[in-house]
Amino acid sequence: GKVCEINTLIEADATVEFLTFDDEEGKKVYRHTAAHVLAQAVKRLYPDTKLAIGPAIDNGFYYDFDVEKPFSQEELDKIEAEMKKIVKEGIALEQYEMSPADAIASLKEAGEIYKVELCEEHADKGEPISFYKQGEFVDLCAGPHLMTTAPVKAFKLISCTGAYWRGSEKNKMLSRVYATAYPKAAELEADQ
């Protein structure tokens, strides 16, 4: 009943079902990995960007960024090109955990104010905080993900719109990049 990564160690009797892109949960894992590729590309190109959240949604995924101005189409094209480089690098996604106190300290040091807020909400539970590392990029995330960036072959950054942090007009307006991703270019083209 739990979606896990393919390299999850099974320590007790379990029924195992392998998910693919044809399965809704498999599609979410694929597209959430694509969201991490997007965020890594943005951080490479615009290192001062602050990260918010990047979930898979019904028809793709999005990621919210705190940047001075929304990304132009020219900038989205540049980000997409950087994403292609990241996919070619086939970077492994490695999950690790930190204590809440260490996680908050690390995120504060990195200047990731939105991630600090998310982390602080879970800190009182005392449970370890989950992160994913891919190359130089690290993100606060519960996962699961693909094993590497390599399978994220066909993707398209669709638009950049405004979105208030946590959906409240009392909070800062962030730049939300909407995108979609498929395992094959033909599937992406059929969706356009």
N, C-alpha and C. Protein backbone atom coordinates (compact mmCIF):
# COMPACT_ATOMS: atom_id res chain seq x y z
N GLY A 1 0.80 -1.21 0.00
CA GLY A 1 0.00 0.00 0.00
C GLY A 1 0.84 1.27 0.00
N LYS A 2 2.15 1.14 -0.10
CA LYS A 2 3.02 2.32 -0.07
C LYS A 2 3.88 2.35 -1.32
N VAL A 3 3.96 3.51 -1.97
CA VAL A 3 4.81 3.65 -3.15
C VAL A 3 6.23 3.90 -2.68
N CYS A 4 7.14 3.05 -3.12
CA CYS A 4 8.55 3.14 -2.72
C CYS A 4 9.42 3.13 -3.97
N GLU A 5 10.67 3.49 -3.77
CA GLU A 5 11.62 3.43 -4.89
C GLU A 5 11.99 1.98 -5.16
N ILE A 6 12.44 1.74 -6.36
CA ILE A 6 12.73 0.37 -6.77
C ILE A 6 13.85 -0.28 -5.96
N ASN A 7 14.72 0.52 -5.36
CA ASN A 7 15.82 -0.05 -4.58
C ASN A 7 15.50 -0.15 -3.09
N THR A 8 14.22 -0.01 -2.73
CA THR A 8 13.81 -0.12 -1.33
C THR A 8 14.05 -1.54 -0.83
N LEU A 9 14.69 -1.66 0.30
CA LEU A 9 14.96 -2.95 0.91
C LEU A 9 13.67 -3.48 1.54
N ILE A 10 13.26 -4.67 1.15
CA ILE A 10 12.06 -5.29 1.70
C ILE A 10 12.50 -6.15 2.86
N GLU A 11 12.07 -5.78 4.07
CA GLU A 11 12.53 -6.44 5.29
C GLU A 11 11.50 -7.39 5.90
N ALA A 12 10.35 -7.51 5.28
CA ALA A 12 9.31 -8.40 5.79
C ALA A 12 8.49 -8.89 4.59
N ASP A 13 7.65 -9.88 4.83
CA ASP A 13 6.79 -10.36 3.76
C ASP A 13 5.99 -9.18 3.22
N ALA A 14 5.88 -9.13 1.90
CA ALA A 14 5.16 -8.02 1.28
C ALA A 14 4.67 -8.44 -0.09
N THR A 15 3.62 -7.82 -0.52
CA THR A 15 3.16 -7.97 -1.88
C THR A 15 3.77 -6.82 -2.66
N VAL A 16 4.44 -7.12 -3.74
CA VAL A 16 5.14 -6.10 -4.52
C VAL A 16 4.50 -5.97 -5.89
N GLU A 17 4.26 -4.74 -6.26
CA GLU A 17 3.72 -4.43 -7.58
C GLU A 17 4.63 -3.36 -8.19
N PHE A 18 5.08 -3.60 -9.41
CA PHE A 18 5.94 -2.63 -10.08
C PHE A 18 5.08 -1.65 -10.86
N LEU A 19 5.34 -0.37 -10.64
CA LEU A 19 4.58 0.68 -11.30
C LEU A 19 5.34 1.21 -12.51
N THR A 20 4.59 1.57 -13.54
CA THR A 20 5.17 2.18 -14.74
C THR A 20 4.48 3.51 -14.97
N PHE A 21 4.86 4.19 -16.02
CA PHE A 21 4.25 5.46 -16.35
C PHE A 21 2.76 5.30 -16.65
N ASP A 22 2.33 4.10 -17.01
CA ASP A 22 0.92 3.85 -17.29
C ASP A 22 0.08 3.84 -16.01
N ASP A 23 0.72 3.66 -14.86
CA ASP A 23 0.02 3.69 -13.57
C ASP A 23 0.03 5.12 -13.04
N GLU A 24 -1.05 5.55 -12.45
CA GLU A 24 -1.15 6.93 -11.95
C GLU A 24 -0.04 7.26 -10.95
N GLU A 25 0.23 6.35 -10.03
CA GLU A 25 1.29 6.60 -9.05
C GLU A 25 2.68 6.60 -9.71
N GLY A 26 2.87 5.74 -10.69
CA GLY A 26 4.13 5.73 -11.43
C GLY A 26 4.35 7.03 -12.19
N LYS A 27 3.28 7.54 -12.77
CA LYS A 27 3.33 8.81 -13.48
C LYS A 27 3.72 9.95 -12.53
N LYS A 28 3.16 9.93 -11.31
CA LYS A 28 3.47 10.97 -10.31
C LYS A 28 4.95 10.94 -9.93
N VAL A 29 5.50 9.74 -9.72
CA VAL A 29 6.92 9.60 -9.37
C VAL A 29 7.78 10.14 -10.50
N TYR A 30 7.44 9.77 -11.72
CA TYR A 30 8.19 10.23 -12.89
C TYR A 30 8.18 11.75 -12.98
N ARG A 31 7.00 12.33 -12.87
CA ARG A 31 6.87 13.78 -13.03
C ARG A 31 7.44 14.54 -11.83
N HIS A 32 7.39 13.95 -10.65
CA HIS A 32 8.00 14.62 -9.50
C HIS A 32 9.52 14.64 -9.65
N THR A 33 10.08 13.58 -10.22
CA THR A 33 11.51 13.57 -10.52
C THR A 33 11.82 14.67 -11.55
N ALA A 34 10.96 14.83 -12.54
CA ALA A 34 11.13 15.89 -13.53
C ALA A 34 11.10 17.27 -12.86
N ALA A 35 10.27 17.42 -11.82
CA ALA A 35 10.22 18.69 -11.08
C ALA A 35 11.57 18.96 -10.40
N HIS A 36 12.22 17.93 -9.90
CA HIS A 36 13.55 18.10 -9.30
C HIS A 36 14.58 18.49 -10.36
N VAL A 37 14.45 17.94 -11.56
CA VAL A 37 15.34 18.31 -12.65
C VAL A 37 15.14 19.80 -12.98
N LEU A 38 13.89 20.24 -13.02
CA LEU A 38 13.58 21.65 -13.25
C LEU A 38 14.22 22.53 -12.17
N ALA A 39 14.03 22.17 -10.92
CA ALA A 39 14.57 22.98 -9.82
C ALA A 39 16.09 23.02 -9.87
N GLN A 40 16.73 21.89 -10.19
CA GLN A 40 18.19 21.88 -10.30
C GLN A 40 18.65 22.79 -11.43
N ALA A 41 17.95 22.77 -12.55
CA ALA A 41 18.31 23.63 -13.67
C ALA A 41 18.19 25.10 -13.29
N VAL A 42 17.11 25.45 -12.60
CA VAL A 42 16.91 26.83 -12.18
C VAL A 42 18.02 27.26 -11.22
N LYS A 43 18.36 26.41 -10.26
CA LYS A 43 19.42 26.76 -9.30
C LYS A 43 20.78 26.89 -9.98
N ARG A 44 21.04 26.09 -11.02
CA ARG A 44 22.30 26.21 -11.76
C ARG A 44 22.37 27.55 -12.48
N LEU A 45 21.27 27.93 -13.09
CA LEU A 45 21.25 29.16 -13.90
C LEU A 45 21.03 30.42 -13.07
N TYR A 46 20.24 30.29 -12.02
CA TYR A 46 19.87 31.44 -11.19
C TYR A 46 20.08 31.05 -9.72
N PRO A 47 21.32 31.00 -9.26
CA PRO A 47 21.65 30.46 -7.94
C PRO A 47 20.99 31.17 -6.76
N ASP A 48 20.59 32.41 -6.92
CA ASP A 48 19.96 33.14 -5.82
C ASP A 48 18.47 32.82 -5.65
N THR A 49 17.92 32.04 -6.56
CA THR A 49 16.52 31.66 -6.49
C THR A 49 16.25 30.87 -5.21
N LYS A 50 15.12 31.16 -4.58
CA LYS A 50 14.67 30.40 -3.42
C LYS A 50 13.61 29.40 -3.89
N LEU A 51 13.72 28.17 -3.40
CA LEU A 51 12.81 27.10 -3.80
C LEU A 51 11.62 27.02 -2.86
N ALA A 52 10.45 26.74 -3.41
CA ALA A 52 9.26 26.52 -2.58
C ALA A 52 8.86 25.05 -2.71
N ILE A 53 7.83 24.76 -3.50
CA ILE A 53 7.39 23.37 -3.66
C ILE A 53 7.30 23.00 -5.13
N GLY A 54 7.34 21.69 -5.41
CA GLY A 54 7.30 21.21 -6.79
C GLY A 54 6.62 19.86 -6.92
N PRO A 55 5.30 19.82 -6.79
CA PRO A 55 4.59 18.53 -6.87
C PRO A 55 4.20 18.12 -8.29
N ALA A 56 3.93 16.84 -8.44
CA ALA A 56 3.29 16.34 -9.65
C ALA A 56 1.80 16.68 -9.53
N ILE A 57 1.19 16.99 -10.66
CA ILE A 57 -0.24 17.27 -10.72
C ILE A 57 -0.84 16.41 -11.83
N ASP A 58 -2.14 16.48 -12.02
CA ASP A 58 -2.82 15.59 -12.96
C ASP A 58 -2.20 15.54 -14.35
N ASN A 59 -1.87 16.69 -14.90
CA ASN A 59 -1.39 16.71 -16.29
C ASN A 59 0.10 17.07 -16.40
N GLY A 60 0.83 17.00 -15.31
CA GLY A 60 2.25 17.33 -15.36
C GLY A 60 2.81 17.60 -13.98
N PHE A 61 3.42 18.78 -13.83
CA PHE A 61 3.99 19.17 -12.55
C PHE A 61 4.22 20.67 -12.57
N TYR A 62 4.52 21.21 -11.41
CA TYR A 62 4.95 22.61 -11.35
C TYR A 62 5.99 22.74 -10.25
N TYR A 63 6.67 23.87 -10.27
CA TYR A 63 7.58 24.22 -9.19
C TYR A 63 7.46 25.71 -8.95
N ASP A 64 7.35 26.09 -7.68
CA ASP A 64 7.26 27.50 -7.29
C ASP A 64 8.63 28.01 -6.89
N PHE A 65 8.99 29.17 -7.45
CA PHE A 65 10.29 29.80 -7.20
C PHE A 65 10.10 31.23 -6.73
N ASP A 66 10.97 31.65 -5.83
CA ASP A 66 11.01 33.04 -5.41
C ASP A 66 12.14 33.70 -6.20
N VAL A 67 11.75 34.45 -7.23
CA VAL A 67 12.70 35.18 -8.08
C VAL A 67 12.21 36.62 -8.19
N GLU A 68 13.10 37.51 -8.60
CA GLU A 68 12.75 38.93 -8.68
C GLU A 68 11.60 39.19 -9.64
N LYS A 69 11.63 38.53 -10.79
CA LYS A 69 10.55 38.70 -11.77
C LYS A 69 10.25 37.34 -12.39
N PRO A 70 9.00 37.14 -12.85
CA PRO A 70 8.66 35.86 -13.46
C PRO A 70 9.58 35.55 -14.65
N PHE A 71 9.78 34.27 -14.89
CA PHE A 71 10.63 33.85 -16.00
C PHE A 71 9.97 34.19 -17.33
N SER A 72 10.74 34.76 -18.24
CA SER A 72 10.26 35.04 -19.60
C SER A 72 10.31 33.75 -20.41
N GLN A 73 9.73 33.77 -21.61
CA GLN A 73 9.79 32.58 -22.48
C GLN A 73 11.24 32.27 -22.83
N GLU A 74 12.05 33.30 -23.05
CA GLU A 74 13.46 33.10 -23.36
C GLU A 74 14.17 32.39 -22.19
N GLU A 75 13.85 32.80 -20.97
CA GLU A 75 14.44 32.15 -19.79
C GLU A 75 13.95 30.72 -19.64
N LEU A 76 12.66 30.48 -19.92
CA LEU A 76 12.13 29.11 -19.86
C LEU A 76 12.86 28.21 -20.86
N ASP A 77 13.13 28.74 -22.05
CA ASP A 77 13.87 27.98 -23.06
C ASP A 77 15.28 27.64 -22.55
N LYS A 78 15.90 28.60 -21.91
CA LYS A 78 17.25 28.40 -21.35
C LYS A 78 17.22 27.34 -20.24
N ILE A 79 16.19 27.39 -19.39
CA ILE A 79 16.03 26.42 -18.31
C ILE A 79 15.81 25.02 -18.89
N GLU A 80 14.97 24.95 -19.93
CA GLU A 80 14.70 23.66 -20.58
C GLU A 80 16.00 23.06 -21.14
N ALA A 81 16.84 23.89 -21.74
CA ALA A 81 18.12 23.41 -22.28
C ALA A 81 19.01 22.88 -21.16
N GLU A 82 19.01 23.56 -20.01
CA GLU A 82 19.80 23.09 -18.87
C GLU A 82 19.23 21.77 -18.33
N MET A 83 17.90 21.63 -18.35
CA MET A 83 17.28 20.37 -17.92
C MET A 83 17.76 19.22 -18.80
N LYS A 84 17.87 19.47 -20.10
CA LYS A 84 18.33 18.42 -21.02
C LYS A 84 19.75 17.99 -20.67
N LYS A 85 20.59 18.94 -20.27
CA LYS A 85 21.96 18.61 -19.84
C LYS A 85 21.93 17.72 -18.59
N ILE A 86 21.06 18.06 -17.65
CA ILE A 86 20.95 17.30 -16.40
C ILE A 86 20.49 15.87 -16.69
N VAL A 87 19.54 15.73 -17.59
CA VAL A 87 19.06 14.39 -17.97
C VAL A 87 20.21 13.59 -18.60
N LYS A 88 20.96 14.23 -19.49
CA LYS A 88 22.10 13.54 -20.14
C LYS A 88 23.15 13.11 -19.12
N GLU A 89 23.31 13.88 -18.05
CA GLU A 89 24.28 13.54 -17.01
C GLU A 89 23.86 12.29 -16.23
N GLY A 90 22.59 11.92 -16.29
CA GLY A 90 22.12 10.71 -15.61
C GLY A 90 22.45 10.71 -14.12
N ILE A 91 22.17 11.81 -13.47
CA ILE A 91 22.55 11.98 -12.06
C ILE A 91 21.68 11.11 -11.15
N ALA A 92 22.32 10.40 -10.24
CA ALA A 92 21.58 9.58 -9.27
C ALA A 92 20.85 10.46 -8.27
N LEU A 93 19.66 10.04 -7.87
CA LEU A 93 18.91 10.69 -6.81
C LEU A 93 19.09 9.85 -5.56
N GLU A 94 19.66 10.47 -4.54
CA GLU A 94 19.98 9.75 -3.32
C GLU A 94 19.20 10.35 -2.15
N GLN A 95 18.42 9.51 -1.49
CA GLN A 95 17.63 9.95 -0.35
C GLN A 95 18.46 9.83 0.92
N TYR A 96 18.34 10.83 1.80
CA TYR A 96 18.97 10.74 3.12
C TYR A 96 18.11 11.51 4.11
N GLU A 97 18.35 11.28 5.38
CA GLU A 97 17.56 11.92 6.43
C GLU A 97 18.45 12.69 7.39
N MET A 98 17.85 13.71 8.01
CA MET A 98 18.53 14.50 9.04
C MET A 98 17.57 14.68 10.20
N SER A 99 18.12 14.94 11.37
CA SER A 99 17.26 15.28 12.50
C SER A 99 16.58 16.61 12.18
N PRO A 100 15.40 16.89 12.75
CA PRO A 100 14.74 18.17 12.48
C PRO A 100 15.64 19.37 12.76
N ALA A 101 16.38 19.36 13.86
CA ALA A 101 17.24 20.50 14.21
C ALA A 101 18.33 20.69 13.16
N ASP A 102 18.97 19.59 12.75
CA ASP A 102 20.03 19.68 11.74
C ASP A 102 19.47 20.10 10.38
N ALA A 103 18.28 19.59 10.05
CA ALA A 103 17.66 19.94 8.77
C ALA A 103 17.34 21.43 8.72
N ILE A 104 16.77 21.95 9.78
CA ILE A 104 16.43 23.38 9.84
C ILE A 104 17.70 24.22 9.76
N ALA A 105 18.73 23.85 10.48
CA ALA A 105 19.99 24.59 10.46
C ALA A 105 20.58 24.58 9.05
N SER A 106 20.56 23.43 8.40
CA SER A 106 21.11 23.31 7.05
C SER A 106 20.33 24.17 6.05
N LEU A 107 19.01 24.14 6.15
CA LEU A 107 18.18 24.93 5.24
C LEU A 107 18.33 26.43 5.49
N LYS A 108 18.48 26.81 6.75
CA LYS A 108 18.71 28.23 7.07
C LYS A 108 20.03 28.68 6.48
N GLU A 109 21.06 27.85 6.62
CA GLU A 109 22.38 28.18 6.08
C GLU A 109 22.32 28.35 4.57
N ALA A 110 21.49 27.53 3.92
CA ALA A 110 21.34 27.61 2.46
C ALA A 110 20.44 28.77 2.04
N GLY A 111 19.78 29.42 3.00
CA GLY A 111 18.89 30.53 2.68
C GLY A 111 17.56 30.12 2.11
N GLU A 112 17.20 28.85 2.28
CA GLU A 112 15.95 28.33 1.71
C GLU A 112 14.80 28.54 2.71
N ILE A 113 14.30 29.78 2.76
CA ILE A 113 13.31 30.18 3.77
C ILE A 113 12.00 29.41 3.69
N TYR A 114 11.57 29.05 2.50
CA TYR A 114 10.31 28.32 2.34
C TYR A 114 10.46 26.88 2.84
N LYS A 115 11.60 26.29 2.55
CA LYS A 115 11.88 24.93 3.02
C LYS A 115 12.02 24.91 4.55
N VAL A 116 12.60 25.99 5.12
CA VAL A 116 12.71 26.08 6.58
C VAL A 116 11.31 26.06 7.19
N GLU A 117 10.41 26.85 6.62
CA GLU A 117 9.03 26.90 7.14
C GLU A 117 8.37 25.53 7.09
N LEU A 118 8.52 24.83 5.97
CA LEU A 118 7.94 23.49 5.84
C LEU A 118 8.54 22.53 6.85
N CYS A 119 9.84 22.62 7.02
CA CYS A 119 10.57 21.74 7.93
C CYS A 119 10.15 22.00 9.39
N GLU A 120 10.01 23.27 9.74
CA GLU A 120 9.63 23.62 11.12
C GLU A 120 8.26 23.05 11.49
N GLU A 121 7.37 22.94 10.52
CA GLU A 121 6.04 22.38 10.78
C GLU A 121 6.09 20.91 11.17
N HIS A 122 7.10 20.22 10.67
CA HIS A 122 7.23 18.79 10.97
C HIS A 122 8.19 18.51 12.12
N ALA A 123 8.92 19.53 12.54
CA ALA A 123 9.97 19.34 13.55
C ALA A 123 9.42 18.87 14.89
N ASP A 124 8.22 19.33 15.23
CA ASP A 124 7.67 18.96 16.55
C ASP A 124 7.31 17.48 16.64
N LYS A 125 7.21 16.81 15.50
CA LYS A 125 6.93 15.37 15.51
C LYS A 125 8.17 14.57 15.88
N GLY A 126 9.35 15.20 15.74
CA GLY A 126 10.60 14.55 16.09
C GLY A 126 11.07 13.52 15.08
N GLU A 127 10.33 13.34 14.01
CA GLU A 127 10.70 12.35 12.99
C GLU A 127 11.82 12.91 12.11
N PRO A 128 12.67 12.03 11.58
CA PRO A 128 13.73 12.49 10.68
C PRO A 128 13.13 13.21 9.47
N ILE A 129 13.87 14.17 8.94
CA ILE A 129 13.44 14.94 7.77
C ILE A 129 14.15 14.39 6.54
N SER A 130 13.38 14.14 5.50
CA SER A 130 13.89 13.50 4.28
C SER A 130 14.34 14.53 3.24
N PHE A 131 15.50 14.25 2.65
CA PHE A 131 16.06 15.07 1.57
C PHE A 131 16.43 14.17 0.41
N TYR A 132 16.51 14.76 -0.78
CA TYR A 132 17.05 14.08 -1.95
C TYR A 132 18.17 14.91 -2.52
N LYS A 133 19.27 14.23 -2.83
CA LYS A 133 20.45 14.87 -3.41
C LYS A 133 20.62 14.33 -4.82
N GLN A 134 20.84 15.24 -5.77
CA GLN A 134 21.21 14.83 -7.13
C GLN A 134 22.32 15.75 -7.58
N GLY A 135 23.51 15.21 -7.59
CA GLY A 135 24.68 16.02 -7.89
C GLY A 135 24.84 17.10 -6.84
N GLU A 136 24.99 18.34 -7.29
CA GLU A 136 25.16 19.47 -6.37
C GLU A 136 23.83 19.96 -5.80
N PHE A 137 22.73 19.44 -6.29
CA PHE A 137 21.40 19.90 -5.91
C PHE A 137 20.82 19.06 -4.77
N VAL A 138 20.28 19.73 -3.78
CA VAL A 138 19.63 19.05 -2.65
C VAL A 138 18.26 19.68 -2.44
N ASP A 139 17.24 18.84 -2.21
CA ASP A 139 15.90 19.35 -1.96
C ASP A 139 15.24 18.59 -0.81
N LEU A 140 14.53 19.32 0.00
CA LEU A 140 13.69 18.76 1.05
C LEU A 140 12.57 18.01 0.35
N CYS A 141 12.42 16.72 0.61
CA CYS A 141 11.43 15.94 -0.16
C CYS A 141 11.22 14.58 0.47
N ALA A 142 9.97 14.14 0.50
CA ALA A 142 9.63 12.82 1.02
C ALA A 142 9.76 11.74 -0.04
N GLY A 143 9.82 12.14 -1.33
CA GLY A 143 9.93 11.15 -2.41
C GLY A 143 8.61 10.44 -2.64
N PRO A 144 8.64 9.31 -3.31
CA PRO A 144 9.77 8.63 -3.93
C PRO A 144 10.13 9.24 -5.29
N HIS A 145 11.26 8.78 -5.83
CA HIS A 145 11.77 9.27 -7.11
C HIS A 145 12.30 8.14 -7.96
N LEU A 146 12.58 8.47 -9.23
CA LEU A 146 13.31 7.56 -10.10
C LEU A 146 14.73 7.46 -9.55
N MET A 147 15.48 6.47 -9.99
CA MET A 147 16.83 6.27 -9.48
C MET A 147 17.82 7.31 -10.02
N THR A 148 17.61 7.77 -11.25
CA THR A 148 18.48 8.78 -11.85
C THR A 148 17.63 9.75 -12.67
N THR A 149 18.29 10.82 -13.13
CA THR A 149 17.61 11.79 -13.99
C THR A 149 17.49 11.28 -15.44
N ALA A 150 18.22 10.26 -15.80
CA ALA A 150 18.30 9.78 -17.19
C ALA A 150 16.97 9.44 -17.85
N PRO A 151 16.00 8.82 -17.15
CA PRO A 151 14.75 8.46 -17.83
C PRO A 151 13.84 9.64 -18.19
N VAL A 152 14.12 10.82 -17.67
CA VAL A 152 13.24 11.98 -17.90
C VAL A 152 13.56 12.55 -19.28
N LYS A 153 13.06 11.90 -20.30
CA LYS A 153 13.47 12.19 -21.69
C LYS A 153 12.68 13.32 -22.36
N ALA A 154 11.38 13.33 -22.23
CA ALA A 154 10.55 14.26 -22.98
C ALA A 154 9.77 15.16 -22.03
N PHE A 155 10.09 16.45 -22.05
CA PHE A 155 9.41 17.38 -21.15
C PHE A 155 9.26 18.73 -21.84
N LYS A 156 8.35 19.52 -21.32
CA LYS A 156 8.09 20.84 -21.89
C LYS A 156 7.70 21.78 -20.76
N LEU A 157 8.39 22.93 -20.68
CA LEU A 157 7.99 23.98 -19.76
C LEU A 157 6.89 24.77 -20.46
N ILE A 158 5.72 24.80 -19.86
CA ILE A 158 4.54 25.33 -20.53
C ILE A 158 4.34 26.82 -20.29
N SER A 159 4.44 27.24 -19.02
CA SER A 159 4.19 28.65 -18.71
C SER A 159 4.76 29.00 -17.35
N CYS A 160 4.81 30.30 -17.10
CA CYS A 160 5.21 30.82 -15.79
C CYS A 160 4.13 31.80 -15.36
N THR A 161 3.53 31.52 -14.21
CA THR A 161 2.46 32.37 -13.69
C THR A 161 2.80 32.75 -12.25
N GLY A 162 1.99 33.61 -11.70
CA GLY A 162 2.15 33.98 -10.29
C GLY A 162 1.35 33.04 -9.41
N ALA A 163 1.87 32.77 -8.23
CA ALA A 163 1.17 31.94 -7.24
C ALA A 163 1.61 32.40 -5.86
N TYR A 164 0.65 32.68 -5.00
CA TYR A 164 1.01 33.08 -3.64
C TYR A 164 1.54 31.88 -2.87
N TRP A 165 2.57 32.10 -2.07
CA TRP A 165 3.09 31.05 -1.20
C TRP A 165 1.94 30.55 -0.33
N ARG A 166 1.73 29.25 -0.38
CA ARG A 166 0.70 28.55 0.38
C ARG A 166 -0.72 29.00 0.04
N GLY A 167 -0.87 29.61 -1.15
CA GLY A 167 -2.19 29.99 -1.63
C GLY A 167 -2.83 31.17 -0.92
N SER A 168 -2.08 31.90 -0.14
CA SER A 168 -2.63 33.03 0.61
C SER A 168 -2.12 34.37 0.08
N GLU A 169 -3.04 35.27 -0.22
CA GLU A 169 -2.66 36.59 -0.72
C GLU A 169 -1.90 37.41 0.31
N LYS A 170 -1.87 36.93 1.56
CA LYS A 170 -1.08 37.59 2.61
C LYS A 170 0.42 37.26 2.46
N ASN A 171 0.71 36.22 1.68
CA ASN A 171 2.09 35.78 1.49
C ASN A 171 2.67 36.32 0.18
N LYS A 172 3.95 36.13 0.01
CA LYS A 172 4.66 36.62 -1.17
C LYS A 172 4.19 35.91 -2.43
N MET A 173 4.15 36.68 -3.53
CA MET A 173 3.85 36.11 -4.84
C MET A 173 5.11 35.44 -5.38
N LEU A 174 4.99 34.17 -5.72
CA LEU A 174 6.10 33.40 -6.28
C LEU A 174 5.86 33.20 -7.77
N SER A 175 6.86 32.71 -8.46
CA SER A 175 6.74 32.37 -9.88
C SER A 175 6.57 30.86 -10.00
N ARG A 176 5.44 30.46 -10.54
CA ARG A 176 5.14 29.02 -10.71
C ARG A 176 5.38 28.63 -12.16
N VAL A 177 6.30 27.70 -12.35
CA VAL A 177 6.57 27.17 -13.69
C VAL A 177 5.77 25.87 -13.84
N TYR A 178 4.84 25.88 -14.80
CA TYR A 178 4.07 24.68 -15.13
C TYR A 178 4.79 23.93 -16.24
N ALA A 179 4.77 22.60 -16.14
CA ALA A 179 5.45 21.78 -17.13
C ALA A 179 4.78 20.41 -17.21
N THR A 180 5.20 19.64 -18.17
CA THR A 180 4.76 18.26 -18.27
C THR A 180 5.94 17.40 -18.72
N ALA A 181 5.82 16.10 -18.52
CA ALA A 181 6.90 15.19 -18.89
C ALA A 181 6.34 13.82 -19.22
N TYR A 182 7.00 13.17 -20.17
CA TYR A 182 6.64 11.84 -20.63
C TYR A 182 7.91 11.04 -20.89
N PRO A 183 7.81 9.71 -20.88
CA PRO A 183 9.00 8.90 -21.19
C PRO A 183 9.41 8.96 -22.66
N LYS A 184 8.47 9.29 -23.55
CA LYS A 184 8.78 9.30 -24.99
C LYS A 184 8.32 10.61 -25.62
N ALA A 185 9.11 11.09 -26.57
CA ALA A 185 8.80 12.35 -27.26
C ALA A 185 7.44 12.27 -27.98
N ALA A 186 7.11 11.10 -28.53
CA ALA A 186 5.84 10.96 -29.24
C ALA A 186 4.65 11.20 -28.30
N GLU A 187 4.78 10.77 -27.04
CA GLU A 187 3.71 11.00 -26.05
C GLU A 187 3.59 12.48 -25.73
N LEU A 188 4.72 13.15 -25.60
CA LEU A 188 4.72 14.59 -25.34
C LEU A 188 4.08 15.34 -26.50
N GLU A 189 4.46 14.99 -27.73
CA GLU A 189 3.91 15.64 -28.91
C GLU A 189 2.41 15.43 -29.03
N ALA A 190 1.94 14.24 -28.69
CA ALA A 190 0.50 13.95 -28.74
C ALA A 190 -0.27 14.78 -27.72
N ASP A 191 0.40 15.20 -26.65
CA ASP A 191 -0.24 15.98 -25.59
C ASP A 191 -0.28 17.48 -25.91
N GLN A 192 0.56 17.93 -26.83
CA GLN A 192 0.65 19.36 -27.12
C GLN A 192 -0.46 19.86 -27.99
